[in-house]
Amino acid sequence: MHDFVSRWQITEMSEWDQDYVNLVEPGYFLFTNDNLGEFVFGAVQGWVDARVSSREPFLEYSWQGVNEGDEVCGRGWFRFPNPDTGEGMLFIHNGDESSIVICRET
């Protein structure tokens, strides 16, 4: 998990424009040493349970959170074409899905 431990800025989502992604605060993912983390984009805040997959380098996660006060949950994944960029998908259970690009914050 250590290669992914960092705060990552959300730079692109296919379902929502960047103004929405940064609505409340700049959109981000945070992955910690204990395979946990969090994310924020738009009116969505989520808490993450992440696992490194056998596929290289690949991070899969499930999440639960809130969207405008309503409880939501889902899953997602990231692949990392280089150490500072992640590309993947975020799925909201019974709802939207979006491709997503993240960049490691320095």
N, C-alpha and C. Protein backbone atom coordinates (compact mmCIF):
# COMPACT_ATOMS: atom_id res chain seq x y z
N MET A 1 0.82 -1.20 0.00
CA MET A 1 0.00 0.00 0.00
C MET A 1 0.85 1.25 0.00
N HIS A 2 2.08 1.18 0.42
CA HIS A 2 2.90 2.37 0.62
C HIS A 2 3.10 3.21 -0.64
N ASP A 3 3.13 2.60 -1.81
CA ASP A 3 3.30 3.38 -3.03
C ASP A 3 2.14 4.32 -3.28
N PHE A 4 0.98 4.03 -2.71
CA PHE A 4 -0.21 4.83 -2.96
C PHE A 4 -0.53 5.78 -1.82
N VAL A 5 0.19 5.65 -0.70
CA VAL A 5 -0.08 6.48 0.46
C VAL A 5 0.28 7.92 0.13
N SER A 6 -0.75 8.75 0.03
CA SER A 6 -0.55 10.14 -0.32
C SER A 6 -1.91 10.81 -0.45
N ARG A 7 -1.88 12.09 -0.61
CA ARG A 7 -3.08 12.85 -0.98
C ARG A 7 -2.99 13.11 -2.49
N TRP A 8 -4.08 12.84 -3.19
CA TRP A 8 -4.13 12.92 -4.65
C TRP A 8 -5.22 13.91 -5.07
N GLN A 9 -4.89 14.85 -5.89
CA GLN A 9 -5.86 15.81 -6.40
C GLN A 9 -6.66 15.18 -7.54
N ILE A 10 -7.97 15.35 -7.53
CA ILE A 10 -8.80 14.91 -8.65
C ILE A 10 -8.68 15.96 -9.76
N THR A 11 -8.14 15.56 -10.90
CA THR A 11 -7.93 16.50 -12.00
C THR A 11 -8.95 16.35 -13.12
N GLU A 12 -9.67 15.22 -13.12
CA GLU A 12 -10.65 15.01 -14.17
C GLU A 12 -11.63 13.91 -13.77
N MET A 13 -12.91 14.16 -14.06
CA MET A 13 -13.95 13.14 -13.92
C MET A 13 -14.84 13.23 -15.16
N SER A 14 -15.19 12.09 -15.75
CA SER A 14 -15.97 12.12 -16.99
C SER A 14 -17.43 12.52 -16.75
N GLU A 15 -17.96 12.24 -15.57
CA GLU A 15 -19.38 12.49 -15.30
C GLU A 15 -19.65 13.92 -14.83
N TRP A 16 -18.64 14.56 -14.23
CA TRP A 16 -18.83 15.89 -13.66
C TRP A 16 -17.70 16.81 -14.09
N ASP A 17 -18.02 18.10 -14.33
CA ASP A 17 -16.98 19.05 -14.72
C ASP A 17 -16.17 19.46 -13.48
N GLN A 18 -15.04 20.09 -13.73
CA GLN A 18 -14.11 20.43 -12.66
C GLN A 18 -14.72 21.43 -11.67
N ASP A 19 -15.60 22.31 -12.13
CA ASP A 19 -16.27 23.24 -11.21
C ASP A 19 -17.07 22.47 -10.16
N TYR A 20 -17.77 21.40 -10.59
CA TYR A 20 -18.51 20.60 -9.63
C TYR A 20 -17.55 19.80 -8.75
N VAL A 21 -16.52 19.21 -9.34
CA VAL A 21 -15.55 18.44 -8.55
C VAL A 21 -15.02 19.27 -7.40
N ASN A 22 -14.76 20.56 -7.64
CA ASN A 22 -14.17 21.46 -6.63
C ASN A 22 -15.21 22.32 -5.93
N LEU A 23 -16.48 21.91 -5.93
CA LEU A 23 -17.58 22.72 -5.41
C LEU A 23 -17.38 23.16 -3.97
N VAL A 24 -17.11 22.24 -3.06
CA VAL A 24 -16.97 22.55 -1.64
C VAL A 24 -15.52 22.84 -1.28
N GLU A 25 -14.62 22.06 -1.84
CA GLU A 25 -13.17 22.22 -1.68
C GLU A 25 -12.54 21.49 -2.85
N PRO A 26 -11.27 21.72 -3.12
CA PRO A 26 -10.63 21.01 -4.24
C PRO A 26 -10.79 19.49 -4.05
N GLY A 27 -11.31 18.80 -5.08
CA GLY A 27 -11.54 17.37 -5.01
C GLY A 27 -10.25 16.60 -4.78
N TYR A 28 -10.32 15.56 -3.94
CA TYR A 28 -9.11 14.79 -3.63
C TYR A 28 -9.47 13.37 -3.19
N PHE A 29 -8.46 12.51 -3.24
CA PHE A 29 -8.44 11.20 -2.59
C PHE A 29 -7.27 11.21 -1.64
N LEU A 30 -7.41 10.57 -0.49
CA LEU A 30 -6.33 10.40 0.47
C LEU A 30 -6.27 8.92 0.82
N PHE A 31 -5.11 8.30 0.60
CA PHE A 31 -4.88 6.90 0.97
C PHE A 31 -3.85 6.88 2.09
N THR A 32 -4.13 6.10 3.16
CA THR A 32 -3.26 6.06 4.33
C THR A 32 -2.60 4.69 4.47
N ASN A 33 -1.64 4.60 5.40
CA ASN A 33 -0.87 3.36 5.61
C ASN A 33 -1.71 2.17 6.05
N ASP A 34 -2.86 2.41 6.64
CA ASP A 34 -3.69 1.34 7.19
C ASP A 34 -4.75 0.85 6.21
N ASN A 35 -4.54 1.08 4.90
CA ASN A 35 -5.46 0.67 3.84
C ASN A 35 -6.80 1.41 3.90
N LEU A 36 -6.81 2.53 4.56
CA LEU A 36 -8.02 3.34 4.64
C LEU A 36 -7.79 4.65 3.91
N GLY A 37 -8.80 5.47 3.87
CA GLY A 37 -8.65 6.77 3.24
C GLY A 37 -9.98 7.48 3.15
N GLU A 38 -9.99 8.53 2.37
CA GLU A 38 -11.19 9.33 2.19
C GLU A 38 -11.11 10.05 0.86
N PHE A 39 -12.25 10.59 0.43
CA PHE A 39 -12.25 11.44 -0.75
C PHE A 39 -13.38 12.45 -0.64
N VAL A 40 -13.23 13.52 -1.39
CA VAL A 40 -14.25 14.55 -1.50
C VAL A 40 -14.28 15.01 -2.94
N PHE A 41 -15.48 15.12 -3.50
CA PHE A 41 -15.69 15.83 -4.75
C PHE A 41 -17.13 16.30 -4.76
N GLY A 42 -17.35 17.50 -5.26
CA GLY A 42 -18.70 18.05 -5.30
C GLY A 42 -19.33 17.99 -3.92
N ALA A 43 -20.56 17.46 -3.85
CA ALA A 43 -21.28 17.31 -2.60
C ALA A 43 -21.11 15.90 -2.02
N VAL A 44 -20.13 15.15 -2.51
CA VAL A 44 -19.90 13.77 -2.09
C VAL A 44 -18.68 13.70 -1.19
N GLN A 45 -18.82 13.03 -0.05
CA GLN A 45 -17.69 12.73 0.83
C GLN A 45 -17.73 11.25 1.12
N GLY A 46 -16.59 10.58 0.96
CA GLY A 46 -16.56 9.14 1.15
C GLY A 46 -15.38 8.70 1.98
N TRP A 47 -15.55 7.53 2.64
CA TRP A 47 -14.50 6.90 3.42
C TRP A 47 -14.17 5.58 2.75
N VAL A 48 -12.89 5.34 2.56
CA VAL A 48 -12.39 4.30 1.67
C VAL A 48 -11.75 3.15 2.44
N ASP A 49 -11.98 1.94 1.94
CA ASP A 49 -11.26 0.73 2.34
C ASP A 49 -10.56 0.24 1.08
N ALA A 50 -9.24 0.38 1.02
CA ALA A 50 -8.47 0.12 -0.21
C ALA A 50 -7.63 -1.15 -0.08
N ARG A 51 -7.45 -1.83 -1.20
CA ARG A 51 -6.61 -3.03 -1.27
C ARG A 51 -5.78 -3.00 -2.54
N VAL A 52 -4.53 -3.39 -2.40
CA VAL A 52 -3.67 -3.52 -3.57
C VAL A 52 -4.00 -4.84 -4.23
N SER A 53 -4.26 -4.79 -5.52
CA SER A 53 -4.61 -5.98 -6.27
C SER A 53 -3.36 -6.67 -6.79
N SER A 54 -3.51 -7.90 -7.23
CA SER A 54 -2.38 -8.63 -7.81
C SER A 54 -2.01 -8.06 -9.18
N ARG A 55 -2.95 -7.35 -9.79
CA ARG A 55 -2.63 -6.69 -11.06
C ARG A 55 -1.72 -5.51 -10.77
N GLU A 56 -0.79 -5.23 -11.63
CA GLU A 56 0.29 -4.30 -11.31
C GLU A 56 0.16 -3.00 -12.05
N PRO A 57 0.46 -1.85 -11.45
CA PRO A 57 0.10 -1.52 -10.06
C PRO A 57 -1.37 -1.12 -10.04
N PHE A 58 -2.12 -1.70 -9.15
CA PHE A 58 -3.57 -1.59 -9.18
C PHE A 58 -4.10 -1.48 -7.77
N LEU A 59 -5.00 -0.57 -7.54
CA LEU A 59 -5.61 -0.35 -6.24
C LEU A 59 -7.12 -0.44 -6.40
N GLU A 60 -7.76 -1.32 -5.62
CA GLU A 60 -9.21 -1.45 -5.63
C GLU A 60 -9.74 -0.93 -4.30
N TYR A 61 -10.93 -0.33 -4.32
CA TYR A 61 -11.47 0.20 -3.08
C TYR A 61 -12.99 0.09 -3.06
N SER A 62 -13.50 -0.03 -1.85
CA SER A 62 -14.92 0.13 -1.60
C SER A 62 -15.05 1.39 -0.76
N TRP A 63 -16.23 1.98 -0.77
CA TRP A 63 -16.39 3.20 -0.01
C TRP A 63 -17.83 3.36 0.47
N GLN A 64 -17.98 4.13 1.52
CA GLN A 64 -19.29 4.55 1.99
C GLN A 64 -19.18 6.02 2.32
N GLY A 65 -20.31 6.73 2.21
CA GLY A 65 -20.24 8.15 2.46
C GLY A 65 -21.59 8.82 2.37
N VAL A 66 -21.55 10.12 2.05
CA VAL A 66 -22.76 10.93 1.95
C VAL A 66 -22.71 11.77 0.68
N ASN A 67 -23.89 12.00 0.12
CA ASN A 67 -24.05 12.88 -1.03
C ASN A 67 -25.24 13.78 -0.72
N GLU A 68 -24.95 15.05 -0.46
CA GLU A 68 -25.99 16.02 -0.07
C GLU A 68 -26.82 15.50 1.11
N GLY A 69 -26.16 14.86 2.07
CA GLY A 69 -26.81 14.38 3.28
C GLY A 69 -27.39 12.97 3.18
N ASP A 70 -27.47 12.41 1.98
CA ASP A 70 -27.97 11.05 1.80
C ASP A 70 -26.83 10.05 1.85
N GLU A 71 -27.05 8.91 2.53
CA GLU A 71 -26.03 7.87 2.59
C GLU A 71 -25.87 7.23 1.22
N VAL A 72 -24.62 7.04 0.81
CA VAL A 72 -24.29 6.39 -0.45
C VAL A 72 -23.09 5.47 -0.23
N CYS A 73 -22.87 4.57 -1.17
CA CYS A 73 -21.72 3.68 -1.10
C CYS A 73 -21.36 3.28 -2.52
N GLY A 74 -20.23 2.61 -2.64
CA GLY A 74 -19.82 2.16 -3.97
C GLY A 74 -18.47 1.49 -3.94
N ARG A 75 -17.86 1.49 -5.09
CA ARG A 75 -16.56 0.84 -5.27
C ARG A 75 -15.81 1.59 -6.36
N GLY A 76 -14.56 1.17 -6.57
CA GLY A 76 -13.76 1.77 -7.64
C GLY A 76 -12.39 1.14 -7.72
N TRP A 77 -11.60 1.67 -8.61
CA TRP A 77 -10.24 1.16 -8.80
C TRP A 77 -9.38 2.26 -9.44
N PHE A 78 -8.07 2.11 -9.26
CA PHE A 78 -7.09 2.95 -9.93
C PHE A 78 -5.96 2.09 -10.46
N ARG A 79 -5.46 2.44 -11.62
CA ARG A 79 -4.17 1.93 -12.09
C ARG A 79 -3.25 3.14 -12.13
N PHE A 80 -1.97 2.90 -12.00
CA PHE A 80 -1.00 3.98 -11.89
C PHE A 80 0.03 3.86 -13.01
N PRO A 81 -0.16 4.58 -14.13
CA PRO A 81 0.78 4.49 -15.24
C PRO A 81 2.16 5.05 -14.89
N ASN A 82 2.22 5.91 -13.87
CA ASN A 82 3.49 6.38 -13.34
C ASN A 82 3.27 6.70 -11.86
N PRO A 83 4.33 6.94 -11.09
CA PRO A 83 4.18 7.10 -9.64
C PRO A 83 3.31 8.29 -9.21
N ASP A 84 3.11 9.26 -10.09
CA ASP A 84 2.40 10.47 -9.69
C ASP A 84 1.04 10.65 -10.34
N THR A 85 0.56 9.66 -11.10
CA THR A 85 -0.73 9.76 -11.79
C THR A 85 -1.51 8.47 -11.64
N GLY A 86 -2.79 8.60 -11.33
CA GLY A 86 -3.69 7.45 -11.27
C GLY A 86 -4.87 7.66 -12.20
N GLU A 87 -5.31 6.58 -12.82
CA GLU A 87 -6.48 6.61 -13.71
C GLU A 87 -7.38 5.47 -13.31
N GLY A 88 -8.68 5.73 -13.21
CA GLY A 88 -9.56 4.65 -12.79
C GLY A 88 -11.02 4.98 -12.95
N MET A 89 -11.82 4.31 -12.12
CA MET A 89 -13.27 4.45 -12.14
C MET A 89 -13.80 4.56 -10.72
N LEU A 90 -14.88 5.33 -10.58
CA LEU A 90 -15.62 5.42 -9.33
C LEU A 90 -17.06 5.06 -9.65
N PHE A 91 -17.62 4.15 -8.87
CA PHE A 91 -18.99 3.69 -9.06
C PHE A 91 -19.81 4.01 -7.81
N ILE A 92 -20.98 4.61 -8.00
CA ILE A 92 -21.92 4.83 -6.91
C ILE A 92 -22.97 3.72 -7.02
N HIS A 93 -23.16 2.96 -5.94
CA HIS A 93 -24.10 1.83 -5.95
C HIS A 93 -25.48 2.31 -6.40
N ASN A 94 -26.02 1.64 -7.42
CA ASN A 94 -27.31 1.98 -8.01
C ASN A 94 -27.37 3.44 -8.49
N GLY A 95 -26.23 3.95 -8.97
CA GLY A 95 -26.20 5.35 -9.40
C GLY A 95 -25.18 5.59 -10.49
N ASP A 96 -24.60 6.77 -10.46
CA ASP A 96 -23.65 7.20 -11.48
C ASP A 96 -22.34 6.44 -11.40
N GLU A 97 -21.59 6.53 -12.50
CA GLU A 97 -20.21 6.05 -12.54
C GLU A 97 -19.41 7.07 -13.33
N SER A 98 -18.13 7.14 -13.04
CA SER A 98 -17.29 8.12 -13.71
C SER A 98 -15.86 7.61 -13.79
N SER A 99 -15.24 7.87 -14.95
CA SER A 99 -13.79 7.69 -15.01
C SER A 99 -13.19 8.85 -14.20
N ILE A 100 -11.99 8.64 -13.72
CA ILE A 100 -11.38 9.62 -12.84
C ILE A 100 -9.87 9.61 -13.03
N VAL A 101 -9.27 10.80 -12.98
CA VAL A 101 -7.82 10.95 -13.05
C VAL A 101 -7.39 11.70 -11.80
N ILE A 102 -6.35 11.18 -11.13
CA ILE A 102 -5.81 11.82 -9.95
C ILE A 102 -4.31 12.05 -10.12
N CYS A 103 -3.80 13.10 -9.49
CA CYS A 103 -2.36 13.40 -9.51
C CYS A 103 -1.89 13.58 -8.07
N ARG A 104 -0.73 13.00 -7.77
CA ARG A 104 -0.17 13.09 -6.42
C ARG A 104 0.11 14.55 -6.09
N GLU A 105 -0.34 15.00 -4.91
CA GLU A 105 -0.03 16.36 -4.47
C GLU A 105 1.39 16.39 -3.91
N THR A 106 2.07 17.47 -4.16
CA THR A 106 3.46 17.59 -3.67
C THR A 106 3.54 18.44 -2.44
